[in-house]
Amino acid sequence: MQIVMAWVGRQVSYILVAMRVIAGSLRRRTLDAPPGLDTRPTSDRLRETLFNVLAPRVEGARFLDLYAGSGAVGIEAISRGAALAVLVERAVPALRVLRNNLDKLGLGREIRVEAANAAAYLRRAGSENSSFDFDIVFLDPPYDAAKEYALALGLLGGEAAKLLRNEAVVVAEHRRKQKLEIDYGTLTRTRLLEQGDTALSFYQSTSGR
């Protein structure tokens, strides 16, 4: 999805261009996005780049999408053959749109929605004897919420590390100018991919789990 800025009188208006599923069984199906700019969906172009990198891992994977917004990233994972996606989102407007997207696409068994704060979900799931663990984790907090990155990545590299399967990858989307740490507990950055004003940081665990 693209955000187009236009001046209307003395005010700036933002026009949201519809998103689409890029590839797989749901290719070209359209997705709704939450209104306003509080939720910033991952662009189609960046989502394509992300999944080009993840392609060898997606088939049959268990996918965790933190700060899921419209659900576009988790839905893309399912479209490309992931076995399960858990989408974590706390904002009510975004949850409404997310669930509408799932209904529109007929997705149910493959996707589980957690209406929760990302850190709270990681703490709870990481402390439970949960059957949910993941091959791929994607997180895309609001860019201005810098503390969310350190909090979520710190949990995934610490008390919630058991949610990561062997050789799992954790990917954080962030501003290109925003420098994330190389290490968060047992997580170490293995790749930094920059595209325009945005970047993707790829992490893997060094715990040997």
Protein backbone atom coordinates (compact mmCIF):
# COMPACT_ATOMS: atom_id res chain seq x y z
CA MET A 1 0.00 0.00 0.00
CA GLN A 2 1.16 3.52 -0.75
CA ILE A 3 0.33 6.70 1.14
CA VAL A 4 -0.14 9.63 -1.23
CA MET A 5 0.04 13.14 0.25
CA ALA A 6 -1.96 15.97 -1.33
CA TRP A 7 -2.70 19.54 -0.27
CA VAL A 8 -6.39 20.43 0.06
CA GLY A 9 -6.61 24.12 0.89
CA ARG A 10 -4.22 24.60 3.81
CA GLN A 11 -4.47 21.04 5.04
CA VAL A 12 -2.67 17.89 4.02
CA SER A 13 -4.89 15.01 2.97
CA TYR A 14 -3.64 11.43 2.84
CA ILE A 15 -5.07 9.04 0.28
CA LEU A 16 -4.57 5.36 1.02
CA VAL A 17 -4.04 3.20 -2.07
CA ALA A 18 -5.33 -0.36 -1.69
CA MET A 19 -2.90 -3.13 -0.82
CA ARG A 20 -2.79 -6.48 -2.53
CA VAL A 21 -1.47 -9.95 -1.85
CA ILE A 22 1.63 -10.21 -4.01
CA ALA A 23 2.11 -13.93 -4.65
CA GLY A 24 0.84 -17.41 -3.90
CA SER A 25 -2.66 -18.85 -3.62
CA LEU A 26 -4.22 -15.44 -2.82
CA ARG A 27 -2.25 -13.49 -5.41
CA ARG A 28 -3.76 -10.14 -6.42
CA ARG A 29 -6.53 -10.28 -3.83
CA THR A 30 -6.99 -6.82 -2.33
CA LEU A 31 -6.69 -5.93 1.34
CA ASP A 32 -8.16 -3.07 3.34
CA ALA A 33 -5.98 -0.85 5.53
CA PRO A 34 -6.86 0.88 8.82
CA PRO A 35 -7.76 4.56 8.39
CA GLY A 36 -5.32 7.30 9.31
CA LEU A 37 -1.57 7.16 9.74
CA ASP A 38 -1.27 5.63 13.21
CA THR A 39 -1.00 2.22 11.55
CA ARG A 40 1.63 2.23 8.80
CA PRO A 41 1.27 -0.85 6.61
CA THR A 42 4.34 -2.43 5.05
CA SER A 43 4.38 -1.31 1.41
CA ASP A 44 3.79 -3.84 -1.37
CA ARG A 45 7.33 -3.26 -2.62
CA LEU A 46 8.97 -3.85 0.75
CA ARG A 47 6.73 -6.86 1.42
CA GLU A 48 7.88 -8.35 -1.89
CA THR A 49 11.51 -7.75 -0.93
CA LEU A 50 10.93 -9.32 2.49
CA PHE A 51 9.41 -12.47 1.05
CA ASN A 52 12.02 -12.77 -1.69
CA VAL A 53 14.56 -13.13 1.13
CA LEU A 54 12.36 -15.43 3.22
CA ALA A 55 11.24 -17.57 0.25
CA PRO A 56 13.23 -20.71 1.16
CA ARG A 57 11.78 -20.66 4.69
CA VAL A 58 8.09 -19.91 4.17
CA GLU A 59 6.64 -23.21 2.94
CA GLY A 60 5.21 -25.02 5.97
CA ALA A 61 6.51 -22.38 8.39
CA ARG A 62 4.89 -21.10 11.57
CA PHE A 63 4.79 -17.30 11.27
CA LEU A 64 4.39 -14.68 14.01
CA ASP A 65 3.40 -11.16 12.96
CA LEU A 66 3.76 -8.65 15.81
CA TYR A 67 2.10 -5.22 15.46
CA ALA A 68 0.12 -6.85 12.65
CA GLY A 69 -2.04 -3.88 11.60
CA SER A 70 -4.12 -4.94 8.59
CA GLY A 71 -2.60 -8.43 8.69
CA ALA A 72 -1.02 -8.02 5.24
CA VAL A 73 2.33 -9.60 6.14
CA GLY A 74 0.84 -12.63 7.90
CA ILE A 75 -1.69 -13.07 5.10
CA GLU A 76 1.13 -12.94 2.54
CA ALA A 77 2.93 -15.69 4.48
CA ILE A 78 -0.16 -17.92 4.37
CA SER A 79 -0.65 -17.20 0.67
CA ARG A 80 2.92 -18.38 0.05
CA GLY A 81 2.47 -21.65 1.91
CA ALA A 82 3.06 -20.99 5.61
CA ALA A 83 1.26 -23.56 7.77
CA LEU A 84 0.16 -21.13 10.48
CA ALA A 85 0.25 -17.40 11.21
CA VAL A 86 -0.39 -15.73 14.56
CA LEU A 87 -1.22 -12.03 14.20
CA VAL A 88 -0.79 -9.82 17.27
CA GLU A 89 -2.46 -6.40 17.29
CA ARG A 90 -4.01 -4.30 20.06
CA ALA A 91 -5.53 -1.27 18.25
CA VAL A 92 -9.29 -1.72 17.88
CA PRO A 93 -9.58 -0.01 14.43
CA ALA A 94 -6.76 -2.15 13.07
CA LEU A 95 -8.27 -5.32 14.55
CA ARG A 96 -11.59 -4.53 12.89
CA VAL A 97 -9.91 -4.19 9.48
CA LEU A 98 -7.68 -7.23 10.06
CA ARG A 99 -10.63 -9.49 10.85
CA ASN A 100 -12.53 -8.11 7.85
CA ASN A 101 -9.59 -9.00 5.61
CA LEU A 102 -9.52 -12.53 6.98
CA ASP A 103 -13.28 -12.93 6.47
CA LYS A 104 -13.06 -11.56 2.93
CA LEU A 105 -10.31 -14.03 2.02
CA GLY A 106 -11.94 -16.97 3.78
CA LEU A 107 -9.01 -17.48 6.14
CA GLY A 108 -9.76 -19.11 9.46
CA ARG A 109 -7.90 -22.24 10.48
CA GLU A 110 -4.55 -21.00 9.18
CA ILE A 111 -4.56 -17.73 11.11
CA ARG A 112 -4.99 -16.96 14.80
CA VAL A 113 -5.56 -13.37 15.94
CA GLU A 114 -4.29 -12.22 19.34
CA ALA A 115 -5.87 -8.94 20.49
CA ALA A 116 -2.97 -7.93 22.72
CA ASN A 117 0.03 -5.71 23.22
CA ALA A 118 3.04 -7.32 21.53
CA ALA A 119 5.23 -7.33 24.65
CA ALA A 120 2.41 -8.70 26.80
CA TYR A 121 1.81 -11.48 24.28
CA LEU A 122 5.51 -12.41 24.20
CA ARG A 123 5.74 -12.47 27.99
CA ARG A 124 2.60 -14.59 28.32
CA ALA A 125 3.37 -17.01 25.50
CA GLY A 126 7.00 -17.26 26.55
CA SER A 127 6.05 -18.23 30.10
CA GLU A 128 3.35 -20.75 29.20
CA ASN A 129 3.70 -24.35 28.11
CA SER A 130 2.43 -23.23 24.73
CA SER A 131 2.33 -25.38 21.61
CA PHE A 132 3.03 -22.26 19.58
CA ASP A 133 6.60 -21.71 18.48
CA PHE A 134 7.73 -20.06 15.29
CA ASP A 135 10.10 -20.33 12.34
CA ILE A 136 9.69 -16.68 11.33
CA VAL A 137 8.87 -13.62 13.45
CA PHE A 138 8.15 -10.25 11.84
CA LEU A 139 7.77 -7.03 13.82
CA ASP A 140 6.84 -3.61 12.58
CA PRO A 141 6.10 -1.25 15.48
CA PRO A 142 5.20 2.39 14.84
CA TYR A 143 8.44 4.03 13.74
CA ASP A 144 8.19 6.65 16.49
CA ALA A 145 7.82 3.98 19.18
CA ALA A 146 11.54 3.29 19.39
CA LYS A 147 11.25 1.56 22.77
CA GLU A 148 8.98 -1.09 21.23
CA TYR A 149 11.85 -2.41 19.11
CA ALA A 150 14.18 -2.87 22.07
CA LEU A 151 11.37 -4.35 24.16
CA ALA A 152 10.15 -6.91 21.61
CA LEU A 153 13.61 -7.90 20.37
CA GLY A 154 14.90 -8.08 23.93
CA LEU A 155 12.09 -10.45 24.89
CA LEU A 156 12.67 -12.64 21.81
CA GLY A 157 16.34 -12.80 22.72
CA GLY A 158 15.57 -13.44 26.39
CA GLU A 159 12.58 -14.65 28.37
CA ALA A 160 10.47 -15.38 25.26
CA ALA A 161 13.29 -17.11 23.35
CA LYS A 162 11.55 -20.49 23.61
CA LEU A 163 9.01 -19.21 21.10
CA LEU A 164 11.73 -19.46 18.44
CA ARG A 165 12.25 -22.77 16.71
CA ASN A 166 15.69 -24.01 15.74
CA GLU A 167 17.22 -21.66 13.12
CA ALA A 168 14.25 -19.28 13.36
CA VAL A 169 14.65 -15.82 11.85
CA VAL A 170 13.38 -12.57 13.38
CA VAL A 171 12.87 -9.59 11.06
CA ALA A 172 12.31 -6.00 12.18
CA GLU A 173 11.10 -3.28 9.81
CA HIS A 174 12.34 0.19 10.78
CA ARG A 175 13.42 3.58 9.48
CA ARG A 176 16.70 3.46 7.59
CA LYS A 177 18.10 6.17 9.86
CA GLN A 178 17.05 4.30 12.98
CA LYS A 179 19.95 2.12 14.07
CA LEU A 180 18.95 -1.03 15.88
CA GLU A 181 21.41 -2.91 18.07
CA ILE A 182 23.45 -5.74 16.59
CA ASP A 183 22.62 -7.99 19.54
CA TYR A 184 19.53 -8.41 21.73
CA GLY A 185 20.27 -11.15 24.22
CA THR A 186 20.71 -14.34 22.20
CA LEU A 187 19.63 -12.61 18.97
CA THR A 188 22.34 -11.41 16.60
CA ARG A 189 21.76 -9.43 13.43
CA THR A 190 22.83 -11.37 10.36
CA ARG A 191 21.67 -9.01 7.62
CA LEU A 192 20.62 -5.39 7.10
CA LEU A 193 18.63 -4.66 3.95
CA GLU A 194 17.87 -1.04 3.06
CA GLN A 195 15.21 0.14 0.61
CA GLY A 196 14.47 3.83 0.25
CA ASP A 197 13.80 5.31 3.69
CA THR A 198 13.08 1.88 5.19
CA ALA A 199 15.25 -0.99 6.38
CA LEU A 200 14.83 -4.63 7.37
CA SER A 201 17.08 -6.06 10.10
CA PHE A 202 17.34 -9.87 10.15
CA TYR A 203 18.25 -11.64 13.41
CA GLN A 204 18.93 -15.23 14.39
CA SER A 205 19.48 -16.83 17.77
CA THR A 206 22.95 -17.77 18.93
CA SER A 207 21.63 -19.95 21.74
CA GLY A 208 21.94 -23.16 19.74
CA ARG A 209 18.37 -24.15 20.60
